[in-house]
N, C-alpha and C. Protein backbone atom coordinates (compact mmCIF):
# COMPACT_ATOMS: atom_id res chain seq x y z
N MET A 1 21.68 -3.74 2.90
CA MET A 1 20.86 -4.65 2.13
C MET A 1 20.25 -3.92 0.93
N ASN A 2 19.96 -4.65 -0.12
CA ASN A 2 19.29 -4.06 -1.27
C ASN A 2 17.80 -4.41 -1.22
N PHE A 3 17.02 -3.85 -2.14
CA PHE A 3 15.57 -4.04 -2.09
C PHE A 3 15.16 -5.51 -2.10
N PRO A 4 15.65 -6.34 -3.04
CA PRO A 4 15.22 -7.75 -3.04
C PRO A 4 15.50 -8.45 -1.71
N ASP A 5 16.67 -8.19 -1.12
CA ASP A 5 17.00 -8.82 0.17
C ASP A 5 16.09 -8.32 1.28
N THR A 6 15.81 -7.02 1.29
CA THR A 6 14.94 -6.43 2.31
C THR A 6 13.52 -6.95 2.17
N MET A 7 13.05 -7.06 0.91
CA MET A 7 11.72 -7.59 0.64
C MET A 7 11.62 -9.04 1.12
N GLU A 8 12.62 -9.84 0.80
CA GLU A 8 12.61 -11.24 1.20
C GLU A 8 12.65 -11.37 2.72
N ALA A 9 13.46 -10.55 3.38
CA ALA A 9 13.54 -10.60 4.84
C ALA A 9 12.18 -10.33 5.46
N TYR A 10 11.46 -9.33 4.93
CA TYR A 10 10.14 -9.02 5.48
C TYR A 10 9.12 -10.11 5.16
N ALA A 11 9.16 -10.63 3.94
CA ALA A 11 8.20 -11.68 3.54
C ALA A 11 8.38 -12.93 4.39
N LEU A 12 9.62 -13.26 4.72
CA LEU A 12 9.89 -14.47 5.51
C LEU A 12 9.70 -14.25 7.00
N ASP A 13 9.88 -13.00 7.45
CA ASP A 13 9.79 -12.69 8.87
C ASP A 13 9.24 -11.27 9.03
N PRO A 14 7.90 -11.12 8.97
CA PRO A 14 7.30 -9.78 8.96
C PRO A 14 7.30 -9.09 10.32
N THR A 15 8.49 -8.75 10.79
CA THR A 15 8.63 -8.04 12.06
C THR A 15 8.57 -6.54 11.82
N PRO A 16 8.31 -5.76 12.87
CA PRO A 16 8.33 -4.29 12.71
C PRO A 16 9.68 -3.78 12.19
N GLU A 17 10.77 -4.40 12.61
CA GLU A 17 12.10 -3.97 12.15
C GLU A 17 12.26 -4.20 10.65
N HIS A 18 11.83 -5.37 10.18
CA HIS A 18 11.92 -5.65 8.75
C HIS A 18 10.98 -4.75 7.95
N LEU A 19 9.81 -4.46 8.51
CA LEU A 19 8.87 -3.57 7.82
C LEU A 19 9.45 -2.17 7.71
N GLU A 20 10.05 -1.68 8.77
CA GLU A 20 10.66 -0.35 8.74
C GLU A 20 11.75 -0.28 7.68
N ALA A 21 12.58 -1.32 7.60
CA ALA A 21 13.64 -1.36 6.58
C ALA A 21 13.03 -1.37 5.17
N LEU A 22 11.96 -2.13 4.99
CA LEU A 22 11.30 -2.20 3.69
C LEU A 22 10.67 -0.85 3.33
N HIS A 23 10.04 -0.21 4.28
CA HIS A 23 9.49 1.13 4.04
C HIS A 23 10.59 2.10 3.58
N ARG A 24 11.75 2.03 4.22
CA ARG A 24 12.87 2.90 3.83
C ARG A 24 13.31 2.63 2.40
N GLU A 25 13.40 1.35 2.04
CA GLU A 25 13.80 0.98 0.67
C GLU A 25 12.78 1.48 -0.35
N ILE A 26 11.50 1.31 -0.05
CA ILE A 26 10.45 1.72 -0.99
C ILE A 26 10.46 3.24 -1.17
N THR A 27 10.50 3.98 -0.07
CA THR A 27 10.44 5.45 -0.17
C THR A 27 11.71 6.03 -0.79
N ALA A 28 12.81 5.29 -0.76
CA ALA A 28 14.06 5.76 -1.38
C ALA A 28 14.12 5.44 -2.87
N ALA A 29 13.22 4.61 -3.35
CA ALA A 29 13.24 4.20 -4.77
C ALA A 29 12.88 5.37 -5.68
N PRO A 30 13.56 5.52 -6.81
CA PRO A 30 13.22 6.59 -7.76
C PRO A 30 11.77 6.52 -8.25
N SER A 31 11.19 5.34 -8.26
CA SER A 31 9.81 5.17 -8.75
C SER A 31 8.75 5.42 -7.67
N TYR A 32 9.18 5.76 -6.45
CA TYR A 32 8.22 5.98 -5.37
C TYR A 32 7.51 7.32 -5.54
N ASN A 33 6.19 7.28 -5.43
CA ASN A 33 5.37 8.49 -5.49
C ASN A 33 4.17 8.26 -4.57
N PRO A 34 4.09 8.97 -3.45
CA PRO A 34 2.98 8.74 -2.52
C PRO A 34 1.61 9.13 -3.10
N MET A 35 1.62 9.86 -4.19
CA MET A 35 0.35 10.29 -4.80
C MET A 35 -0.02 9.44 -6.02
N VAL A 36 0.73 8.37 -6.27
CA VAL A 36 0.44 7.52 -7.42
C VAL A 36 -1.01 7.03 -7.36
N ALA A 37 -1.65 6.98 -8.51
CA ALA A 37 -3.05 6.53 -8.59
C ALA A 37 -3.09 5.24 -9.39
N ILE A 38 -2.90 4.14 -8.69
CA ILE A 38 -2.85 2.81 -9.33
C ILE A 38 -4.11 2.57 -10.15
N THR A 39 -5.25 2.87 -9.58
CA THR A 39 -6.52 2.61 -10.26
C THR A 39 -6.59 3.37 -11.58
N GLN A 40 -6.14 4.60 -11.59
CA GLN A 40 -6.16 5.38 -12.84
C GLN A 40 -5.21 4.80 -13.88
N ILE A 41 -4.12 4.22 -13.44
CA ILE A 41 -3.16 3.61 -14.36
C ILE A 41 -3.76 2.37 -15.01
N VAL A 42 -4.40 1.52 -14.21
CA VAL A 42 -4.82 0.21 -14.72
C VAL A 42 -6.23 0.16 -15.30
N THR A 43 -7.12 1.03 -14.88
CA THR A 43 -8.52 0.94 -15.33
C THR A 43 -8.67 0.95 -16.85
N PRO A 44 -8.04 1.87 -17.58
CA PRO A 44 -8.21 1.84 -19.04
C PRO A 44 -7.66 0.55 -19.65
N LEU A 45 -6.57 0.05 -19.10
CA LEU A 45 -5.98 -1.19 -19.61
C LEU A 45 -6.89 -2.38 -19.33
N GLU A 46 -7.45 -2.41 -18.13
CA GLU A 46 -8.37 -3.51 -17.78
C GLU A 46 -9.61 -3.46 -18.66
N LYS A 47 -10.15 -2.28 -18.88
CA LYS A 47 -11.35 -2.15 -19.73
C LYS A 47 -11.08 -2.62 -21.15
N ALA A 48 -9.84 -2.42 -21.61
CA ALA A 48 -9.46 -2.85 -22.96
C ALA A 48 -9.08 -4.33 -23.01
N GLY A 49 -9.07 -4.98 -21.84
CA GLY A 49 -8.67 -6.39 -21.79
C GLY A 49 -7.18 -6.59 -21.97
N ASP A 50 -6.40 -5.53 -21.75
CA ASP A 50 -4.95 -5.59 -21.93
C ASP A 50 -4.27 -6.02 -20.63
N HIS A 51 -4.35 -7.30 -20.34
CA HIS A 51 -3.80 -7.82 -19.08
C HIS A 51 -2.28 -7.68 -19.03
N GLN A 52 -1.62 -7.93 -20.15
CA GLN A 52 -0.16 -7.76 -20.18
C GLN A 52 0.19 -6.29 -19.99
N GLY A 53 -0.62 -5.39 -20.52
CA GLY A 53 -0.41 -3.96 -20.32
C GLY A 53 -0.49 -3.57 -18.86
N VAL A 54 -1.44 -4.17 -18.13
CA VAL A 54 -1.55 -3.93 -16.68
C VAL A 54 -0.26 -4.36 -15.99
N ILE A 55 0.19 -5.56 -16.32
CA ILE A 55 1.42 -6.09 -15.71
C ILE A 55 2.60 -5.18 -16.02
N ASP A 56 2.75 -4.82 -17.28
CA ASP A 56 3.89 -3.98 -17.68
C ASP A 56 3.84 -2.60 -17.00
N ALA A 57 2.65 -2.01 -16.96
CA ALA A 57 2.51 -0.68 -16.35
C ALA A 57 2.84 -0.70 -14.86
N LEU A 58 2.40 -1.74 -14.17
CA LEU A 58 2.66 -1.80 -12.73
C LEU A 58 4.11 -2.18 -12.44
N TRP A 59 4.66 -3.11 -13.19
CA TRP A 59 6.07 -3.47 -12.96
C TRP A 59 6.99 -2.29 -13.26
N ALA A 60 6.59 -1.41 -14.17
CA ALA A 60 7.39 -0.22 -14.46
C ALA A 60 7.47 0.72 -13.26
N GLN A 61 6.53 0.60 -12.32
CA GLN A 61 6.49 1.44 -11.12
C GLN A 61 7.20 0.80 -9.92
N MET A 62 7.67 -0.44 -10.05
CA MET A 62 8.32 -1.12 -8.94
C MET A 62 9.75 -0.60 -8.79
N PRO A 63 10.31 -0.59 -7.60
CA PRO A 63 9.73 -1.03 -6.33
C PRO A 63 8.91 0.04 -5.62
N GLY A 64 8.70 1.18 -6.26
CA GLY A 64 7.98 2.28 -5.62
C GLY A 64 6.56 1.96 -5.21
N ILE A 65 5.92 1.00 -5.89
CA ILE A 65 4.55 0.64 -5.51
C ILE A 65 4.48 -0.69 -4.76
N PHE A 66 5.65 -1.23 -4.40
CA PHE A 66 5.62 -2.47 -3.62
C PHE A 66 4.92 -2.18 -2.29
N LEU A 67 4.22 -3.14 -1.78
CA LEU A 67 3.37 -3.05 -0.59
C LEU A 67 2.12 -2.21 -0.83
N SER A 68 1.76 -1.97 -2.08
CA SER A 68 0.46 -1.38 -2.39
C SER A 68 -0.52 -2.53 -2.55
N PRO A 69 -1.48 -2.66 -1.62
CA PRO A 69 -2.45 -3.76 -1.76
C PRO A 69 -3.16 -3.72 -3.11
N ALA A 70 -3.50 -2.53 -3.58
CA ALA A 70 -4.21 -2.40 -4.86
C ALA A 70 -3.34 -2.86 -6.02
N ALA A 71 -2.09 -2.45 -6.05
CA ALA A 71 -1.19 -2.84 -7.14
C ALA A 71 -1.05 -4.36 -7.21
N HIS A 72 -0.84 -4.97 -6.07
CA HIS A 72 -0.65 -6.43 -6.06
C HIS A 72 -1.92 -7.17 -6.44
N MET A 73 -3.09 -6.65 -6.06
CA MET A 73 -4.35 -7.30 -6.47
C MET A 73 -4.56 -7.16 -7.97
N HIS A 74 -4.28 -6.00 -8.53
CA HIS A 74 -4.40 -5.83 -9.98
C HIS A 74 -3.43 -6.75 -10.72
N LEU A 75 -2.21 -6.88 -10.20
CA LEU A 75 -1.26 -7.80 -10.81
C LEU A 75 -1.77 -9.24 -10.73
N SER A 76 -2.30 -9.62 -9.59
CA SER A 76 -2.84 -10.98 -9.42
C SER A 76 -3.94 -11.25 -10.44
N GLN A 77 -4.85 -10.32 -10.59
CA GLN A 77 -5.97 -10.50 -11.52
C GLN A 77 -5.47 -10.56 -12.96
N ALA A 78 -4.50 -9.74 -13.31
CA ALA A 78 -3.97 -9.75 -14.68
C ALA A 78 -3.25 -11.06 -14.98
N TYR A 79 -2.43 -11.51 -14.04
CA TYR A 79 -1.75 -12.79 -14.24
C TYR A 79 -2.76 -13.93 -14.36
N ALA A 80 -3.78 -13.92 -13.53
CA ALA A 80 -4.81 -14.97 -13.58
C ALA A 80 -5.51 -14.96 -14.94
N ALA A 81 -5.81 -13.78 -15.46
CA ALA A 81 -6.48 -13.68 -16.76
C ALA A 81 -5.61 -14.24 -17.89
N LEU A 82 -4.29 -14.18 -17.70
CA LEU A 82 -3.36 -14.72 -18.70
C LEU A 82 -3.04 -16.19 -18.45
N GLY A 83 -3.64 -16.77 -17.40
CA GLY A 83 -3.40 -18.18 -17.09
C GLY A 83 -2.08 -18.44 -16.39
N GLU A 84 -1.47 -17.39 -15.88
CA GLU A 84 -0.19 -17.53 -15.17
C GLU A 84 -0.49 -17.66 -13.68
N ASP A 85 -0.93 -18.88 -13.31
CA ASP A 85 -1.45 -19.12 -11.96
C ASP A 85 -0.42 -18.92 -10.86
N ALA A 86 0.82 -19.34 -11.07
CA ALA A 86 1.84 -19.19 -10.03
C ALA A 86 2.09 -17.70 -9.75
N ASP A 87 2.17 -16.91 -10.81
CA ASP A 87 2.37 -15.47 -10.64
C ASP A 87 1.16 -14.82 -9.97
N ALA A 88 -0.04 -15.27 -10.36
CA ALA A 88 -1.27 -14.74 -9.76
C ALA A 88 -1.30 -15.04 -8.27
N THR A 89 -0.93 -16.24 -7.90
CA THR A 89 -0.92 -16.63 -6.48
C THR A 89 0.11 -15.81 -5.71
N ARG A 90 1.30 -15.64 -6.29
CA ARG A 90 2.34 -14.84 -5.63
C ARG A 90 1.85 -13.42 -5.37
N GLU A 91 1.24 -12.80 -6.37
CA GLU A 91 0.77 -11.42 -6.21
C GLU A 91 -0.39 -11.32 -5.24
N ARG A 92 -1.24 -12.34 -5.20
CA ARG A 92 -2.33 -12.35 -4.21
C ARG A 92 -1.75 -12.40 -2.80
N LYS A 93 -0.70 -13.21 -2.62
CA LYS A 93 -0.04 -13.28 -1.31
C LYS A 93 0.61 -11.94 -0.95
N PHE A 94 1.22 -11.28 -1.95
CA PHE A 94 1.80 -9.96 -1.69
C PHE A 94 0.72 -8.94 -1.35
N ALA A 95 -0.45 -9.05 -1.98
CA ALA A 95 -1.56 -8.13 -1.66
C ALA A 95 -1.98 -8.31 -0.20
N LEU A 96 -2.08 -9.55 0.24
CA LEU A 96 -2.44 -9.82 1.64
C LEU A 96 -1.34 -9.34 2.58
N LEU A 97 -0.09 -9.58 2.21
CA LEU A 97 1.04 -9.12 3.02
C LEU A 97 1.03 -7.59 3.12
N ALA A 98 0.74 -6.94 2.00
CA ALA A 98 0.69 -5.47 1.98
C ALA A 98 -0.41 -4.95 2.90
N MET A 99 -1.59 -5.56 2.82
CA MET A 99 -2.69 -5.13 3.68
C MET A 99 -2.35 -5.39 5.15
N ASP A 100 -1.77 -6.55 5.42
CA ASP A 100 -1.37 -6.86 6.80
C ASP A 100 -0.31 -5.88 7.30
N SER A 101 0.58 -5.43 6.41
CA SER A 101 1.64 -4.50 6.84
C SER A 101 1.05 -3.18 7.33
N ILE A 102 -0.13 -2.85 6.84
CA ILE A 102 -0.81 -1.62 7.29
C ILE A 102 -1.64 -1.91 8.54
N ARG A 103 -2.45 -2.94 8.47
CA ARG A 103 -3.42 -3.19 9.53
C ARG A 103 -2.82 -3.73 10.82
N THR A 104 -1.69 -4.40 10.75
CA THR A 104 -1.08 -4.91 11.98
C THR A 104 -0.10 -3.93 12.60
N ALA A 105 0.28 -2.89 11.86
CA ALA A 105 1.23 -1.91 12.39
C ALA A 105 0.53 -0.73 13.05
N GLY A 106 -0.78 -0.72 13.02
CA GLY A 106 -1.55 0.35 13.64
C GLY A 106 -2.97 -0.11 13.87
N GLU A 107 -3.74 0.75 14.52
CA GLU A 107 -5.14 0.42 14.82
C GLU A 107 -6.11 1.39 14.17
N GLY A 108 -5.58 2.38 13.46
CA GLY A 108 -6.44 3.36 12.83
C GLY A 108 -6.95 4.44 13.77
N THR A 109 -6.34 4.52 14.94
CA THR A 109 -6.74 5.51 15.94
C THR A 109 -5.73 6.66 15.98
N GLU A 110 -6.09 7.72 16.69
CA GLU A 110 -5.17 8.84 16.85
C GLU A 110 -3.89 8.39 17.54
N GLU A 111 -4.02 7.51 18.53
CA GLU A 111 -2.87 7.02 19.28
C GLU A 111 -2.05 6.01 18.49
N SER A 112 -2.69 5.30 17.56
CA SER A 112 -2.02 4.25 16.79
C SER A 112 -2.55 4.25 15.35
N PRO A 113 -2.15 5.27 14.57
CA PRO A 113 -2.66 5.36 13.20
C PRO A 113 -2.09 4.26 12.31
N TYR A 114 -2.85 3.91 11.28
CA TYR A 114 -2.35 2.97 10.27
C TYR A 114 -1.22 3.66 9.50
N PRO A 115 -0.06 3.02 9.34
CA PRO A 115 1.00 3.62 8.52
C PRO A 115 0.75 3.33 7.04
N VAL A 116 0.79 4.35 6.20
CA VAL A 116 0.59 4.15 4.77
C VAL A 116 1.71 4.80 3.96
N LEU A 117 2.01 4.17 2.85
CA LEU A 117 3.03 4.68 1.93
C LEU A 117 2.44 5.57 0.85
N ARG A 118 1.12 5.45 0.64
CA ARG A 118 0.45 6.19 -0.43
C ARG A 118 -0.94 6.60 0.02
N VAL A 119 -1.44 7.70 -0.52
CA VAL A 119 -2.81 8.12 -0.22
C VAL A 119 -3.80 7.04 -0.66
N GLU A 120 -3.57 6.45 -1.83
CA GLU A 120 -4.49 5.42 -2.32
C GLU A 120 -4.61 4.24 -1.36
N ASP A 121 -3.55 3.95 -0.61
CA ASP A 121 -3.61 2.86 0.37
C ASP A 121 -4.67 3.12 1.43
N GLU A 122 -4.88 4.38 1.78
CA GLU A 122 -5.91 4.73 2.77
C GLU A 122 -7.28 4.25 2.29
N TYR A 123 -7.56 4.55 1.04
CA TYR A 123 -8.87 4.19 0.48
C TYR A 123 -9.00 2.69 0.27
N THR A 124 -7.89 2.02 0.00
CA THR A 124 -7.91 0.56 -0.14
C THR A 124 -8.26 -0.08 1.20
N VAL A 125 -7.67 0.42 2.28
CA VAL A 125 -7.97 -0.10 3.62
C VAL A 125 -9.43 0.15 3.96
N LEU A 126 -9.91 1.35 3.73
CA LEU A 126 -11.31 1.66 4.03
C LEU A 126 -12.25 0.77 3.22
N ALA A 127 -11.95 0.57 1.95
CA ALA A 127 -12.80 -0.28 1.10
C ALA A 127 -12.79 -1.72 1.60
N ALA A 128 -11.62 -2.21 2.03
CA ALA A 128 -11.53 -3.58 2.54
C ALA A 128 -12.36 -3.76 3.81
N GLU A 129 -12.48 -2.68 4.58
CA GLU A 129 -13.28 -2.71 5.81
C GLU A 129 -14.73 -2.32 5.55
N ARG A 130 -15.08 -2.10 4.28
CA ARG A 130 -16.43 -1.70 3.87
C ARG A 130 -16.88 -0.43 4.59
N ARG A 131 -15.95 0.53 4.62
CA ARG A 131 -16.23 1.82 5.24
C ARG A 131 -16.04 2.90 4.18
N ARG A 132 -16.78 3.99 4.34
CA ARG A 132 -16.71 5.07 3.36
C ARG A 132 -16.40 6.39 4.04
N SER A 133 -15.39 7.05 3.51
CA SER A 133 -14.98 8.36 4.03
C SER A 133 -15.91 9.44 3.50
N THR A 134 -16.31 10.33 4.40
CA THR A 134 -17.10 11.49 3.97
C THR A 134 -16.28 12.77 4.05
N ALA A 135 -15.14 12.71 4.74
CA ALA A 135 -14.25 13.87 4.85
C ALA A 135 -12.84 13.38 5.15
N GLN A 136 -11.86 14.12 4.67
CA GLN A 136 -10.46 13.80 4.89
C GLN A 136 -9.75 15.08 5.29
N GLU A 137 -8.95 15.00 6.37
CA GLU A 137 -8.26 16.19 6.86
C GLU A 137 -6.81 15.84 7.18
N LEU A 138 -5.89 16.69 6.78
CA LEU A 138 -4.48 16.53 7.10
C LEU A 138 -4.24 17.14 8.48
N VAL A 139 -3.71 16.33 9.40
CA VAL A 139 -3.52 16.77 10.78
C VAL A 139 -2.05 16.59 11.18
N PRO A 140 -1.37 17.68 11.57
CA PRO A 140 0.01 17.54 12.06
C PRO A 140 0.03 16.91 13.44
N THR A 141 1.01 16.02 13.67
CA THR A 141 1.19 15.39 14.98
C THR A 141 2.67 15.47 15.36
N GLU A 142 2.99 15.00 16.54
CA GLU A 142 4.39 14.99 16.99
C GLU A 142 5.26 14.11 16.11
N ASN A 143 4.68 13.08 15.50
CA ASN A 143 5.44 12.11 14.71
C ASN A 143 5.30 12.32 13.21
N GLY A 144 4.83 13.46 12.79
CA GLY A 144 4.63 13.71 11.37
C GLY A 144 3.20 14.13 11.10
N GLU A 145 2.72 13.81 9.91
CA GLU A 145 1.36 14.20 9.55
C GLU A 145 0.49 12.97 9.34
N CYS A 146 -0.79 13.15 9.65
CA CYS A 146 -1.77 12.08 9.48
C CYS A 146 -2.92 12.58 8.62
N ASP A 147 -3.46 11.67 7.82
CA ASP A 147 -4.75 11.91 7.18
C ASP A 147 -5.79 11.31 8.10
N VAL A 148 -6.80 12.11 8.43
CA VAL A 148 -7.88 11.64 9.30
C VAL A 148 -9.15 11.62 8.46
N HIS A 149 -9.72 10.43 8.34
CA HIS A 149 -10.96 10.26 7.58
C HIS A 149 -12.13 10.19 8.55
N THR A 150 -13.13 10.99 8.30
CA THR A 150 -14.39 10.89 9.03
C THR A 150 -15.31 10.01 8.18
N LEU A 151 -15.88 9.01 8.83
CA LEU A 151 -16.70 8.03 8.12
C LEU A 151 -18.18 8.37 8.18
N GLU A 152 -18.96 7.65 7.42
CA GLU A 152 -20.41 7.89 7.36
C GLU A 152 -21.07 7.86 8.74
N ASP A 153 -20.55 7.00 9.63
CA ASP A 153 -21.15 6.88 10.96
C ASP A 153 -20.59 7.90 11.96
N GLY A 154 -19.71 8.80 11.49
CA GLY A 154 -19.15 9.83 12.35
C GLY A 154 -17.84 9.44 13.03
N THR A 155 -17.45 8.18 12.96
CA THR A 155 -16.18 7.76 13.55
C THR A 155 -15.03 8.22 12.65
N GLN A 156 -13.82 8.14 13.20
CA GLN A 156 -12.64 8.56 12.45
C GLN A 156 -11.65 7.41 12.32
N VAL A 157 -10.91 7.42 11.22
CA VAL A 157 -9.81 6.50 11.00
C VAL A 157 -8.58 7.35 10.68
N TRP A 158 -7.50 7.07 11.41
CA TRP A 158 -6.26 7.83 11.27
C TRP A 158 -5.23 7.04 10.48
N PHE A 159 -4.53 7.73 9.56
CA PHE A 159 -3.47 7.15 8.76
C PHE A 159 -2.22 8.02 8.88
N ARG A 160 -1.11 7.41 9.28
CA ARG A 160 0.16 8.15 9.36
C ARG A 160 0.83 8.12 7.99
N LEU A 161 1.16 9.29 7.47
CA LEU A 161 1.74 9.43 6.14
C LEU A 161 3.25 9.23 6.25
N LEU A 162 3.72 8.07 5.84
CA LEU A 162 5.12 7.71 6.06
C LEU A 162 6.10 8.61 5.31
N TRP A 163 5.67 9.23 4.23
CA TRP A 163 6.57 10.13 3.50
C TRP A 163 6.66 11.49 4.18
N ARG A 164 5.89 11.69 5.25
CA ARG A 164 5.91 12.96 5.98
C ARG A 164 6.32 12.76 7.44
N THR A 165 7.11 11.73 7.68
CA THR A 165 7.55 11.46 9.05
C THR A 165 8.97 10.91 9.02
N ALA A 166 9.70 11.16 10.09
CA ALA A 166 11.07 10.65 10.19
C ALA A 166 11.10 9.23 10.72
N GLN A 167 9.95 8.74 11.20
CA GLN A 167 9.89 7.40 11.78
C GLN A 167 8.92 6.55 10.96
N PRO A 168 9.41 5.81 9.93
CA PRO A 168 8.53 5.11 9.01
C PRO A 168 7.48 4.21 9.65
N THR A 169 7.82 3.48 10.68
CA THR A 169 6.82 2.59 11.27
C THR A 169 6.54 2.93 12.73
N GLY A 170 7.15 3.97 13.23
CA GLY A 170 6.92 4.36 14.62
C GLY A 170 7.61 3.44 15.60
N ALA A 171 8.54 2.64 15.10
CA ALA A 171 9.22 1.68 15.96
C ALA A 171 10.19 2.35 16.89
C-alpha cells in the first residue's frame, strides 16, 4: 500500500494494525523528522498573519508530520482564518485522530507508554491533559527507548519513541 491508501485505511478503521502500518509509512517518508519543531515553524508565520504560509510550510513537511496533533491543529486554524471551512474541519478531525492515535494506543505508564512519532507530540499530549513536565529522561527498555516525564505533582508519564524501536505500536 502507499501512504494515501494506508492513511485512508486507518482513518476509516483505526485499528492497531492500521495504525502500525501508518506509523511505518510516516517514519519511512523522506520528510519525517522526529525532532521537527512544528511550533517554531508556524509561530512567525502566524504572528505575521500569513495563514497561507502556515499551510504551505506544513504541507511541505507531509507526510512526515502526518499524525502530529499540533500540525493538524495549526492547519485547521489557518484554513479557518482563510474561510476554507471544509479544509479546516478536515484538519480538526485529523488533529483529533492524531491525538487519539497516541492516547488510545497506550496509557502513559511504564507498562503501557504512549507511542509518539515526534518529541513535540509528547508536549502536545501533556498540554492537552493540562499537565506540565518538570523533568524529562531518556530510558532504555526491552522494546526500545522511552522519554519519561516527571510532572509537577511528582507522577510520571511514559512515551515510547517509535523511531527508536523495532515495534512501532507494540502490536
